[in-house]
N, C-alpha and C. Protein backbone atom coordinates (compact mmCIF):
# COMPACT_ATOMS: atom_id res chain seq x y z
N MET A 1 -2.37 16.04 -28.69
CA MET A 1 -1.01 15.54 -28.75
C MET A 1 -0.87 14.73 -30.04
N ASN A 2 0.16 15.03 -30.83
CA ASN A 2 0.35 14.30 -32.07
C ASN A 2 1.13 13.00 -31.83
N ASN A 3 1.25 12.19 -32.88
CA ASN A 3 1.91 10.88 -32.76
C ASN A 3 3.36 10.99 -32.30
N GLN A 4 4.06 12.00 -32.82
CA GLN A 4 5.47 12.17 -32.45
C GLN A 4 5.61 12.49 -30.95
N GLU A 5 4.73 13.34 -30.44
CA GLU A 5 4.76 13.67 -29.02
C GLU A 5 4.40 12.46 -28.16
N GLN A 6 3.43 11.66 -28.64
CA GLN A 6 3.05 10.45 -27.91
C GLN A 6 4.20 9.46 -27.85
N GLU A 7 4.89 9.28 -28.98
CA GLU A 7 6.03 8.36 -29.02
C GLU A 7 7.14 8.81 -28.07
N LYS A 8 7.40 10.14 -28.06
CA LYS A 8 8.43 10.68 -27.17
C LYS A 8 8.04 10.45 -25.71
N GLU A 9 6.77 10.68 -25.38
CA GLU A 9 6.29 10.49 -24.01
C GLU A 9 6.39 9.02 -23.60
N GLN A 10 6.02 8.10 -24.51
CA GLN A 10 6.11 6.67 -24.21
C GLN A 10 7.56 6.24 -24.01
N LYS A 11 8.46 6.78 -24.84
CA LYS A 11 9.88 6.44 -24.71
C LYS A 11 10.42 6.93 -23.37
N THR A 12 10.06 8.16 -23.00
CA THR A 12 10.49 8.71 -21.72
C THR A 12 9.96 7.87 -20.57
N SER A 13 8.69 7.49 -20.65
CA SER A 13 8.07 6.66 -19.61
C SER A 13 8.79 5.32 -19.50
N SER A 14 9.13 4.71 -20.62
CA SER A 14 9.85 3.43 -20.61
C SER A 14 11.23 3.58 -19.99
N LEU A 15 11.92 4.68 -20.31
CA LEU A 15 13.24 4.92 -19.73
C LEU A 15 13.16 5.11 -18.22
N VAL A 16 12.14 5.83 -17.77
CA VAL A 16 11.94 6.04 -16.33
C VAL A 16 11.70 4.69 -15.65
N GLN A 17 10.81 3.87 -16.23
CA GLN A 17 10.52 2.55 -15.64
C GLN A 17 11.77 1.69 -15.58
N GLU A 18 12.59 1.75 -16.63
CA GLU A 18 13.82 0.97 -16.66
C GLU A 18 14.78 1.43 -15.55
N LYS A 19 14.92 2.74 -15.39
CA LYS A 19 15.79 3.28 -14.34
C LYS A 19 15.28 2.90 -12.95
N LEU A 20 13.96 2.96 -12.77
CA LEU A 20 13.38 2.58 -11.48
C LEU A 20 13.68 1.12 -11.16
N LEU A 21 13.50 0.24 -12.14
CA LEU A 21 13.78 -1.18 -11.91
C LEU A 21 15.26 -1.41 -11.58
N LYS A 22 16.14 -0.70 -12.30
CA LYS A 22 17.57 -0.85 -12.02
C LYS A 22 17.92 -0.39 -10.61
N SER A 23 17.20 0.62 -10.13
CA SER A 23 17.46 1.11 -8.77
C SER A 23 16.64 0.34 -7.73
N ARG A 24 15.90 -0.69 -8.20
CA ARG A 24 15.08 -1.55 -7.34
C ARG A 24 14.01 -0.73 -6.62
N SER A 25 13.41 0.19 -7.37
CA SER A 25 12.37 1.06 -6.84
C SER A 25 11.07 0.87 -7.60
N ILE A 26 9.97 0.90 -6.85
CA ILE A 26 8.62 0.78 -7.42
C ILE A 26 7.80 1.95 -6.89
N ILE A 27 6.95 2.49 -7.74
CA ILE A 27 6.05 3.57 -7.33
C ILE A 27 4.61 3.10 -7.46
N ILE A 28 3.86 3.23 -6.38
CA ILE A 28 2.40 3.03 -6.43
C ILE A 28 1.79 4.39 -6.15
N SER A 29 1.04 4.89 -7.13
CA SER A 29 0.41 6.20 -6.97
C SER A 29 -1.00 6.13 -7.53
N GLY A 30 -1.96 6.58 -6.75
CA GLY A 30 -3.34 6.61 -7.21
C GLY A 30 -4.15 5.45 -6.70
N GLU A 31 -5.24 5.21 -7.40
CA GLU A 31 -6.21 4.20 -6.98
C GLU A 31 -5.67 2.78 -7.13
N ILE A 32 -5.91 1.96 -6.12
CA ILE A 32 -5.52 0.55 -6.15
C ILE A 32 -6.60 -0.21 -6.93
N ASN A 33 -6.19 -0.88 -8.02
CA ASN A 33 -7.14 -1.66 -8.81
C ASN A 33 -6.43 -2.90 -9.34
N GLN A 34 -7.17 -3.73 -10.07
CA GLN A 34 -6.62 -5.00 -10.55
C GLN A 34 -5.46 -4.79 -11.51
N ALA A 35 -5.55 -3.79 -12.40
CA ALA A 35 -4.46 -3.54 -13.35
C ALA A 35 -3.18 -3.15 -12.60
N LEU A 36 -3.31 -2.31 -11.59
CA LEU A 36 -2.15 -1.92 -10.79
C LEU A 36 -1.58 -3.12 -10.04
N ALA A 37 -2.45 -3.96 -9.48
CA ALA A 37 -1.99 -5.15 -8.76
C ALA A 37 -1.19 -6.07 -9.68
N GLU A 38 -1.65 -6.22 -10.91
CA GLU A 38 -0.92 -7.05 -11.88
C GLU A 38 0.45 -6.45 -12.19
N LYS A 39 0.48 -5.14 -12.40
CA LYS A 39 1.74 -4.44 -12.72
C LYS A 39 2.73 -4.56 -11.56
N ILE A 40 2.27 -4.31 -10.34
CA ILE A 40 3.16 -4.34 -9.17
C ILE A 40 3.63 -5.77 -8.90
N THR A 41 2.74 -6.74 -9.06
CA THR A 41 3.13 -8.15 -8.89
C THR A 41 4.25 -8.50 -9.88
N ALA A 42 4.10 -8.09 -11.13
CA ALA A 42 5.12 -8.36 -12.14
C ALA A 42 6.44 -7.69 -11.77
N GLN A 43 6.39 -6.46 -11.29
CA GLN A 43 7.62 -5.77 -10.91
C GLN A 43 8.29 -6.44 -9.72
N LEU A 44 7.51 -6.82 -8.72
CA LEU A 44 8.08 -7.49 -7.55
C LEU A 44 8.74 -8.81 -7.93
N LEU A 45 8.06 -9.60 -8.76
CA LEU A 45 8.63 -10.88 -9.18
C LEU A 45 9.87 -10.69 -10.04
N THR A 46 9.85 -9.68 -10.90
CA THR A 46 11.02 -9.38 -11.74
C THR A 46 12.21 -9.00 -10.87
N LEU A 47 11.98 -8.11 -9.92
CA LEU A 47 13.08 -7.68 -9.04
C LEU A 47 13.60 -8.83 -8.18
N GLN A 48 12.71 -9.73 -7.78
CA GLN A 48 13.15 -10.90 -7.03
C GLN A 48 14.08 -11.77 -7.87
N GLU A 49 13.78 -11.91 -9.14
CA GLU A 49 14.62 -12.72 -10.02
C GLU A 49 15.98 -12.08 -10.27
N MET A 50 16.03 -10.75 -10.18
CA MET A 50 17.28 -10.03 -10.43
C MET A 50 18.27 -10.18 -9.27
N SER A 51 17.77 -10.10 -8.03
CA SER A 51 18.64 -10.27 -6.85
C SER A 51 17.80 -10.28 -5.58
N ASP A 52 18.47 -10.56 -4.47
CA ASP A 52 17.81 -10.56 -3.16
C ASP A 52 17.97 -9.22 -2.44
N GLU A 53 18.56 -8.23 -3.12
CA GLU A 53 18.73 -6.91 -2.51
C GLU A 53 17.37 -6.30 -2.19
N PRO A 54 17.29 -5.42 -1.19
CA PRO A 54 16.01 -4.80 -0.82
C PRO A 54 15.38 -4.02 -1.97
N ILE A 55 14.07 -3.93 -1.91
CA ILE A 55 13.27 -3.19 -2.88
C ILE A 55 12.66 -2.00 -2.15
N LYS A 56 12.71 -0.82 -2.78
CA LYS A 56 12.07 0.37 -2.21
C LYS A 56 10.74 0.60 -2.92
N LEU A 57 9.67 0.71 -2.15
CA LEU A 57 8.33 0.93 -2.69
C LEU A 57 7.82 2.28 -2.18
N PHE A 58 7.59 3.21 -3.09
CA PHE A 58 7.06 4.52 -2.75
C PHE A 58 5.56 4.48 -2.94
N LEU A 59 4.81 4.78 -1.88
CA LEU A 59 3.36 4.58 -1.88
C LEU A 59 2.62 5.88 -1.60
N ASN A 60 1.74 6.25 -2.53
CA ASN A 60 0.88 7.43 -2.42
C ASN A 60 -0.47 7.02 -2.98
N SER A 61 -1.40 6.63 -2.12
CA SER A 61 -2.67 6.11 -2.61
C SER A 61 -3.82 6.39 -1.66
N GLN A 62 -4.94 6.75 -2.26
CA GLN A 62 -6.17 6.95 -1.50
C GLN A 62 -6.88 5.64 -1.23
N GLY A 63 -6.34 4.54 -1.73
CA GLY A 63 -6.96 3.24 -1.55
C GLY A 63 -7.63 2.78 -2.83
N GLY A 64 -8.59 1.90 -2.68
CA GLY A 64 -9.28 1.38 -3.85
C GLY A 64 -9.84 0.00 -3.58
N HIS A 65 -9.66 -0.88 -4.53
CA HIS A 65 -10.21 -2.23 -4.51
C HIS A 65 -9.52 -3.07 -3.43
N VAL A 66 -10.29 -3.59 -2.49
CA VAL A 66 -9.74 -4.33 -1.35
C VAL A 66 -8.89 -5.51 -1.81
N GLU A 67 -9.41 -6.33 -2.72
CA GLU A 67 -8.69 -7.54 -3.13
C GLU A 67 -7.44 -7.21 -3.92
N ALA A 68 -7.44 -6.12 -4.67
CA ALA A 68 -6.22 -5.70 -5.37
C ALA A 68 -5.15 -5.31 -4.35
N GLY A 69 -5.57 -4.61 -3.30
CA GLY A 69 -4.64 -4.28 -2.21
C GLY A 69 -4.13 -5.52 -1.51
N ASP A 70 -5.02 -6.50 -1.31
CA ASP A 70 -4.62 -7.77 -0.70
C ASP A 70 -3.57 -8.49 -1.55
N THR A 71 -3.74 -8.44 -2.86
CA THR A 71 -2.79 -9.09 -3.77
C THR A 71 -1.40 -8.51 -3.58
N ILE A 72 -1.32 -7.18 -3.59
CA ILE A 72 -0.01 -6.53 -3.44
C ILE A 72 0.56 -6.80 -2.05
N HIS A 73 -0.27 -6.72 -1.03
CA HIS A 73 0.14 -7.02 0.35
C HIS A 73 0.76 -8.43 0.42
N ASP A 74 0.04 -9.40 -0.11
CA ASP A 74 0.51 -10.78 -0.04
C ASP A 74 1.78 -11.00 -0.85
N MET A 75 1.91 -10.33 -2.00
CA MET A 75 3.11 -10.49 -2.82
C MET A 75 4.34 -9.89 -2.12
N ILE A 76 4.15 -8.76 -1.44
CA ILE A 76 5.27 -8.16 -0.69
C ILE A 76 5.77 -9.15 0.35
N LYS A 77 4.87 -9.82 1.02
CA LYS A 77 5.24 -10.81 2.04
C LYS A 77 5.79 -12.10 1.40
N PHE A 78 5.33 -12.42 0.20
CA PHE A 78 5.66 -13.67 -0.48
C PHE A 78 7.09 -13.68 -1.02
N ILE A 79 7.52 -12.58 -1.60
CA ILE A 79 8.83 -12.58 -2.26
C ILE A 79 9.96 -12.61 -1.24
N LYS A 80 11.12 -13.04 -1.71
CA LYS A 80 12.28 -13.18 -0.82
C LYS A 80 12.91 -11.84 -0.45
N PRO A 81 13.10 -10.90 -1.39
CA PRO A 81 13.74 -9.64 -0.99
C PRO A 81 12.91 -8.85 0.02
N ARG A 82 13.59 -8.16 0.87
CA ARG A 82 12.98 -7.25 1.83
C ARG A 82 12.38 -6.07 1.06
N VAL A 83 11.20 -5.63 1.47
CA VAL A 83 10.56 -4.48 0.83
C VAL A 83 10.50 -3.35 1.85
N ILE A 84 11.09 -2.23 1.48
CA ILE A 84 11.09 -1.02 2.31
C ILE A 84 10.04 -0.10 1.71
N VAL A 85 9.05 0.29 2.52
CA VAL A 85 7.95 1.12 2.02
C VAL A 85 8.11 2.54 2.54
N ILE A 86 7.95 3.50 1.63
CA ILE A 86 8.02 4.91 1.98
C ILE A 86 6.67 5.53 1.64
N GLY A 87 5.95 5.99 2.66
CA GLY A 87 4.68 6.65 2.45
C GLY A 87 4.90 8.09 2.05
N THR A 88 4.15 8.55 1.05
CA THR A 88 4.25 9.92 0.58
C THR A 88 2.88 10.41 0.14
N GLY A 89 2.56 11.64 0.44
CA GLY A 89 1.25 12.17 0.07
C GLY A 89 0.19 11.71 1.05
N TRP A 90 -0.49 10.63 0.67
CA TRP A 90 -1.43 10.01 1.59
C TRP A 90 -1.45 8.51 1.37
N VAL A 91 -1.67 7.80 2.44
CA VAL A 91 -1.74 6.34 2.41
C VAL A 91 -3.02 5.99 3.16
N ALA A 92 -4.02 5.54 2.41
CA ALA A 92 -5.34 5.35 3.01
C ALA A 92 -5.98 4.06 2.52
N SER A 93 -6.88 3.55 3.34
CA SER A 93 -7.75 2.44 2.96
C SER A 93 -6.93 1.24 2.48
N ALA A 94 -7.12 0.79 1.25
CA ALA A 94 -6.35 -0.35 0.72
C ALA A 94 -4.86 -0.02 0.65
N GLY A 95 -4.52 1.26 0.59
CA GLY A 95 -3.12 1.67 0.63
C GLY A 95 -2.46 1.30 1.95
N ILE A 96 -3.21 1.40 3.04
CA ILE A 96 -2.70 1.01 4.36
C ILE A 96 -2.40 -0.48 4.39
N THR A 97 -3.26 -1.28 3.78
CA THR A 97 -3.04 -2.73 3.73
C THR A 97 -1.71 -3.03 3.05
N ILE A 98 -1.45 -2.34 1.95
CA ILE A 98 -0.18 -2.52 1.23
C ILE A 98 0.98 -2.06 2.11
N TYR A 99 0.85 -0.89 2.68
CA TYR A 99 1.91 -0.30 3.50
C TYR A 99 2.29 -1.23 4.65
N LEU A 100 1.30 -1.82 5.30
CA LEU A 100 1.56 -2.66 6.46
C LEU A 100 2.12 -4.04 6.11
N ALA A 101 2.28 -4.34 4.83
CA ALA A 101 2.89 -5.61 4.44
C ALA A 101 4.38 -5.63 4.76
N ALA A 102 5.00 -4.45 4.79
CA ALA A 102 6.43 -4.37 5.11
C ALA A 102 6.61 -4.60 6.61
N ASP A 103 7.74 -5.17 6.97
CA ASP A 103 8.07 -5.33 8.39
C ASP A 103 8.14 -3.95 9.04
N LYS A 104 7.85 -3.88 10.31
CA LYS A 104 7.78 -2.59 11.03
C LYS A 104 9.03 -1.74 10.80
N GLN A 105 10.21 -2.34 10.89
CA GLN A 105 11.44 -1.56 10.74
C GLN A 105 11.64 -1.04 9.32
N ASP A 106 10.85 -1.53 8.37
CA ASP A 106 10.97 -1.14 6.96
C ASP A 106 9.85 -0.20 6.51
N ARG A 107 9.15 0.42 7.45
CA ARG A 107 8.05 1.33 7.10
C ARG A 107 8.45 2.77 7.44
N TYR A 108 8.63 3.57 6.39
CA TYR A 108 9.06 4.96 6.53
C TYR A 108 7.99 5.89 5.97
N SER A 109 8.10 7.15 6.36
CA SER A 109 7.14 8.15 5.90
C SER A 109 7.85 9.46 5.63
N LEU A 110 7.44 10.14 4.58
CA LEU A 110 7.87 11.52 4.40
C LEU A 110 7.04 12.38 5.34
N PRO A 111 7.54 13.56 5.73
CA PRO A 111 6.94 14.31 6.83
C PRO A 111 5.49 14.74 6.64
N ASN A 112 5.07 15.05 5.44
CA ASN A 112 3.73 15.59 5.24
C ASN A 112 2.70 14.54 4.80
N THR A 113 3.06 13.29 4.90
CA THR A 113 2.15 12.22 4.51
C THR A 113 1.06 12.07 5.56
N ARG A 114 -0.16 11.81 5.09
CA ARG A 114 -1.28 11.53 5.99
C ARG A 114 -1.69 10.08 5.81
N TYR A 115 -2.18 9.49 6.88
CA TYR A 115 -2.59 8.08 6.89
C TYR A 115 -4.04 8.01 7.32
N MET A 116 -4.79 7.05 6.73
CA MET A 116 -6.19 6.90 7.11
C MET A 116 -6.57 5.42 7.12
N ILE A 117 -7.14 5.01 8.25
CA ILE A 117 -7.70 3.66 8.35
C ILE A 117 -9.20 3.78 8.50
N HIS A 118 -9.92 2.80 7.98
CA HIS A 118 -11.38 2.78 8.12
C HIS A 118 -11.89 1.39 7.80
N GLN A 119 -13.18 1.20 7.98
CA GLN A 119 -13.77 -0.08 7.62
C GLN A 119 -13.95 -0.13 6.10
N PRO A 120 -13.96 -1.32 5.51
CA PRO A 120 -14.15 -1.41 4.06
C PRO A 120 -15.51 -0.88 3.65
N LEU A 121 -15.54 -0.31 2.46
CA LEU A 121 -16.78 0.21 1.92
C LEU A 121 -17.39 -0.82 0.98
N GLY A 122 -18.69 -0.86 0.93
CA GLY A 122 -19.36 -1.77 0.01
C GLY A 122 -20.73 -1.25 -0.34
N GLY A 123 -21.06 -1.42 -1.57
CA GLY A 123 -22.40 -1.06 -2.00
C GLY A 123 -22.92 -2.19 -2.86
N PHE A 124 -24.09 -2.64 -2.58
CA PHE A 124 -24.64 -3.74 -3.36
C PHE A 124 -26.14 -3.60 -3.44
N ASN A 125 -26.69 -4.24 -4.45
CA ASN A 125 -28.14 -4.28 -4.59
C ASN A 125 -28.53 -5.65 -5.09
N GLY A 126 -29.79 -5.90 -5.10
CA GLY A 126 -30.26 -7.21 -5.54
C GLY A 126 -31.29 -7.73 -4.56
N GLN A 127 -31.46 -9.02 -4.59
CA GLN A 127 -32.43 -9.65 -3.70
C GLN A 127 -31.93 -9.59 -2.26
N ALA A 128 -32.86 -9.63 -1.33
CA ALA A 128 -32.53 -9.51 0.09
C ALA A 128 -31.51 -10.56 0.52
N THR A 129 -31.64 -11.80 0.02
CA THR A 129 -30.69 -12.85 0.42
C THR A 129 -29.29 -12.53 -0.11
N ASP A 130 -29.20 -11.99 -1.33
CA ASP A 130 -27.89 -11.62 -1.88
C ASP A 130 -27.27 -10.48 -1.09
N ILE A 131 -28.08 -9.51 -0.70
CA ILE A 131 -27.59 -8.39 0.10
C ILE A 131 -27.09 -8.91 1.45
N GLY A 132 -27.79 -9.86 2.04
CA GLY A 132 -27.36 -10.47 3.30
C GLY A 132 -26.02 -11.17 3.16
N ILE A 133 -25.85 -11.91 2.06
CA ILE A 133 -24.59 -12.61 1.81
C ILE A 133 -23.44 -11.61 1.69
N GLU A 134 -23.67 -10.54 0.92
CA GLU A 134 -22.63 -9.52 0.72
C GLU A 134 -22.30 -8.81 2.03
N ALA A 135 -23.33 -8.54 2.85
CA ALA A 135 -23.10 -7.88 4.14
C ALA A 135 -22.25 -8.76 5.05
N GLU A 136 -22.52 -10.07 5.06
CA GLU A 136 -21.70 -10.99 5.86
C GLU A 136 -20.26 -10.99 5.38
N GLU A 137 -20.08 -10.97 4.07
CA GLU A 137 -18.73 -10.98 3.51
C GLU A 137 -17.97 -9.71 3.87
N ILE A 138 -18.62 -8.57 3.79
CA ILE A 138 -17.92 -7.32 4.12
C ILE A 138 -17.55 -7.28 5.60
N LEU A 139 -18.36 -7.89 6.45
CA LEU A 139 -18.02 -7.98 7.88
C LEU A 139 -16.80 -8.89 8.09
N ARG A 140 -16.70 -9.97 7.31
CA ARG A 140 -15.52 -10.85 7.38
C ARG A 140 -14.27 -10.10 6.92
N VAL A 141 -14.42 -9.34 5.84
CA VAL A 141 -13.29 -8.55 5.32
C VAL A 141 -12.86 -7.53 6.37
N ARG A 142 -13.83 -6.86 6.99
CA ARG A 142 -13.51 -5.87 8.02
C ARG A 142 -12.73 -6.51 9.16
N LYS A 143 -13.17 -7.66 9.62
CA LYS A 143 -12.48 -8.36 10.71
C LYS A 143 -11.05 -8.71 10.30
N ARG A 144 -10.89 -9.22 9.08
CA ARG A 144 -9.56 -9.60 8.59
C ARG A 144 -8.64 -8.38 8.51
N LEU A 145 -9.15 -7.27 7.97
CA LEU A 145 -8.34 -6.07 7.84
C LEU A 145 -7.99 -5.49 9.22
N ASN A 146 -8.93 -5.51 10.14
CA ASN A 146 -8.64 -5.04 11.50
C ASN A 146 -7.55 -5.89 12.15
N ASN A 147 -7.57 -7.20 11.90
CA ASN A 147 -6.52 -8.08 12.42
C ASN A 147 -5.16 -7.76 11.81
N ILE A 148 -5.14 -7.43 10.51
CA ILE A 148 -3.88 -7.04 9.86
C ILE A 148 -3.35 -5.77 10.53
N ILE A 149 -4.21 -4.77 10.70
CA ILE A 149 -3.79 -3.51 11.31
C ILE A 149 -3.30 -3.74 12.74
N SER A 150 -4.06 -4.49 13.51
CA SER A 150 -3.68 -4.76 14.90
C SER A 150 -2.34 -5.50 14.97
N GLY A 151 -2.18 -6.53 14.16
CA GLY A 151 -0.95 -7.31 14.18
C GLY A 151 0.27 -6.51 13.74
N ALA A 152 0.09 -5.63 12.76
CA ALA A 152 1.22 -4.87 12.23
C ALA A 152 1.59 -3.66 13.09
N THR A 153 0.64 -3.17 13.88
CA THR A 153 0.89 -1.96 14.67
C THR A 153 1.11 -2.23 16.14
N GLY A 154 0.63 -3.39 16.62
CA GLY A 154 0.69 -3.68 18.04
C GLY A 154 -0.47 -3.07 18.82
N GLN A 155 -1.40 -2.43 18.13
CA GLN A 155 -2.57 -1.87 18.80
C GLN A 155 -3.54 -2.99 19.16
N PRO A 156 -4.21 -2.89 20.31
CA PRO A 156 -5.22 -3.90 20.65
C PRO A 156 -6.33 -3.93 19.59
N LEU A 157 -6.82 -5.12 19.29
CA LEU A 157 -7.85 -5.28 18.28
C LEU A 157 -9.07 -4.41 18.60
N GLU A 158 -9.44 -4.31 19.86
CA GLU A 158 -10.61 -3.51 20.25
C GLU A 158 -10.42 -2.04 19.87
N LYS A 159 -9.20 -1.52 20.04
CA LYS A 159 -8.92 -0.13 19.67
C LYS A 159 -9.01 0.04 18.16
N VAL A 160 -8.44 -0.89 17.42
CA VAL A 160 -8.48 -0.82 15.95
C VAL A 160 -9.93 -0.87 15.47
N GLU A 161 -10.72 -1.76 16.06
CA GLU A 161 -12.14 -1.85 15.67
C GLU A 161 -12.85 -0.52 15.90
N LYS A 162 -12.58 0.12 17.01
CA LYS A 162 -13.19 1.42 17.32
C LYS A 162 -12.69 2.48 16.34
N ASP A 163 -11.38 2.51 16.13
CA ASP A 163 -10.79 3.54 15.26
C ASP A 163 -11.23 3.40 13.81
N THR A 164 -11.42 2.18 13.34
CA THR A 164 -11.80 1.98 11.94
C THR A 164 -13.30 2.07 11.71
N ASP A 165 -14.06 2.33 12.76
CA ASP A 165 -15.51 2.45 12.59
C ASP A 165 -15.85 3.61 11.66
N ARG A 166 -15.03 4.64 11.65
CA ARG A 166 -15.15 5.79 10.76
C ARG A 166 -13.76 6.10 10.21
N ASN A 167 -13.66 7.03 9.28
CA ASN A 167 -12.35 7.44 8.78
C ASN A 167 -11.51 7.98 9.94
N TYR A 168 -10.34 7.40 10.13
CA TYR A 168 -9.45 7.76 11.23
C TYR A 168 -8.14 8.25 10.62
N TRP A 169 -7.93 9.57 10.64
CA TRP A 169 -6.78 10.20 10.01
C TRP A 169 -5.64 10.40 11.00
N LEU A 170 -4.42 10.23 10.51
CA LEU A 170 -3.23 10.44 11.33
C LEU A 170 -2.18 11.18 10.51
N SER A 171 -1.47 12.08 11.16
CA SER A 171 -0.29 12.69 10.54
C SER A 171 0.83 11.65 10.53
N ALA A 172 1.92 11.97 9.87
CA ALA A 172 3.06 11.04 9.85
C ALA A 172 3.54 10.73 11.27
N HIS A 173 3.64 11.76 12.10
CA HIS A 173 4.13 11.54 13.47
C HIS A 173 3.11 10.80 14.32
N GLU A 174 1.82 11.07 14.11
CA GLU A 174 0.79 10.32 14.82
C GLU A 174 0.80 8.85 14.38
N ALA A 175 1.11 8.62 13.09
CA ALA A 175 1.19 7.25 12.59
C ALA A 175 2.37 6.50 13.21
N VAL A 176 3.44 7.22 13.56
CA VAL A 176 4.56 6.59 14.29
C VAL A 176 4.06 6.16 15.66
N ASP A 177 3.37 7.05 16.35
CA ASP A 177 2.85 6.73 17.69
C ASP A 177 1.87 5.56 17.65
N TYR A 178 1.10 5.47 16.57
CA TYR A 178 0.09 4.41 16.44
C TYR A 178 0.73 3.05 16.12
N GLY A 179 1.96 3.09 15.56
CA GLY A 179 2.64 1.85 15.19
C GLY A 179 2.56 1.53 13.71
N ILE A 180 1.97 2.43 12.93
CA ILE A 180 1.89 2.22 11.48
C ILE A 180 3.26 2.47 10.86
N VAL A 181 3.86 3.59 11.21
CA VAL A 181 5.14 4.04 10.64
C VAL A 181 6.26 3.77 11.64
N ASN A 182 7.41 3.36 11.13
CA ASN A 182 8.59 3.19 11.98
C ASN A 182 9.28 4.53 12.21
N LYS A 183 9.50 5.28 11.11
CA LYS A 183 10.29 6.50 11.23
C LYS A 183 9.89 7.48 10.13
N VAL A 184 9.84 8.76 10.51
CA VAL A 184 9.61 9.83 9.53
C VAL A 184 10.98 10.29 9.04
N ILE A 185 11.13 10.34 7.72
CA ILE A 185 12.39 10.79 7.12
C ILE A 185 12.10 11.95 6.18
N SER A 186 13.13 12.75 5.91
CA SER A 186 12.94 13.87 4.99
C SER A 186 13.94 13.88 3.85
N LYS A 187 14.93 12.99 3.89
CA LYS A 187 15.96 12.93 2.85
C LYS A 187 16.15 11.49 2.37
N TYR A 188 16.37 11.34 1.07
CA TYR A 188 16.61 10.02 0.48
C TYR A 188 17.83 9.36 1.12
N ASP A 189 18.82 10.18 1.47
CA ASP A 189 20.04 9.65 2.08
C ASP A 189 19.76 8.84 3.34
N GLU A 190 18.64 9.11 4.00
CA GLU A 190 18.30 8.38 5.22
C GLU A 190 17.96 6.92 4.92
N LEU A 191 17.75 6.59 3.65
CA LEU A 191 17.48 5.21 3.25
C LEU A 191 18.75 4.46 2.85
N THR A 192 19.85 5.16 2.63
CA THR A 192 21.04 4.50 2.11
C THR A 192 21.69 3.55 3.08
N ASN A 193 21.45 3.70 4.36
CA ASN A 193 22.05 2.82 5.36
C ASN A 193 21.31 1.50 5.50
N LEU A 194 20.24 1.31 4.75
CA LEU A 194 19.39 0.13 4.95
C LEU A 194 19.92 -1.08 4.22
C-alpha cells in the first residue's frame, strides 16, 4: 500500500469514527487488551461529556486480558449515560464481563451471536512460591468473575461455578434463558424505541 492509499484509508477511518461518536455508538471487536481499554474509556468519557443520551456499544470479542475487560466493565457502570450493549458474532471470556456491565434490560443480541463463559486462564512460571501466589490470585479472580456472572444473570453462584469450570457455550436464545441476554433482535429499528 502506498502513502496515498494509506492517507485515504486513515481519512476514511477517522470519518467513520467521527460518525460513530455522533451517533453515540462504540464498536468493540477483537481481543480485549490495554490499548483497547484505553480507547473505549476515552470514547465513553467523551460521549458522557457530550450528553446524557444512551450509548450503543456493539460487542464482538473472543475475550482477552481480564483486567482490560474489568476496566471497560467498570467504566460502563461508572459513567452517567445508559449503555445499551448489542452482542454480535461472539461474546466470550473477558467479552462477557464487558457485556454484563449493562443493565439487564439493556443487553441485546443479534440472532447468530454465540456466548461463552469460563474460568480465567493463567500461565505462569518461576519459583514455587511465586507460582503459589499467582494461583491464589487467579482463584480470587475466578470467584470475582463468577459473582459478576451470577449477579448479572440471576443464576445461583453454584451453577455458575459449575458452568464456568470449562468453556460453556450458549446460542443467543440460550443466553436469554441463562439471563445473559435480555432480548434477541434482528433489526436496528428494534433499538430506536430505547
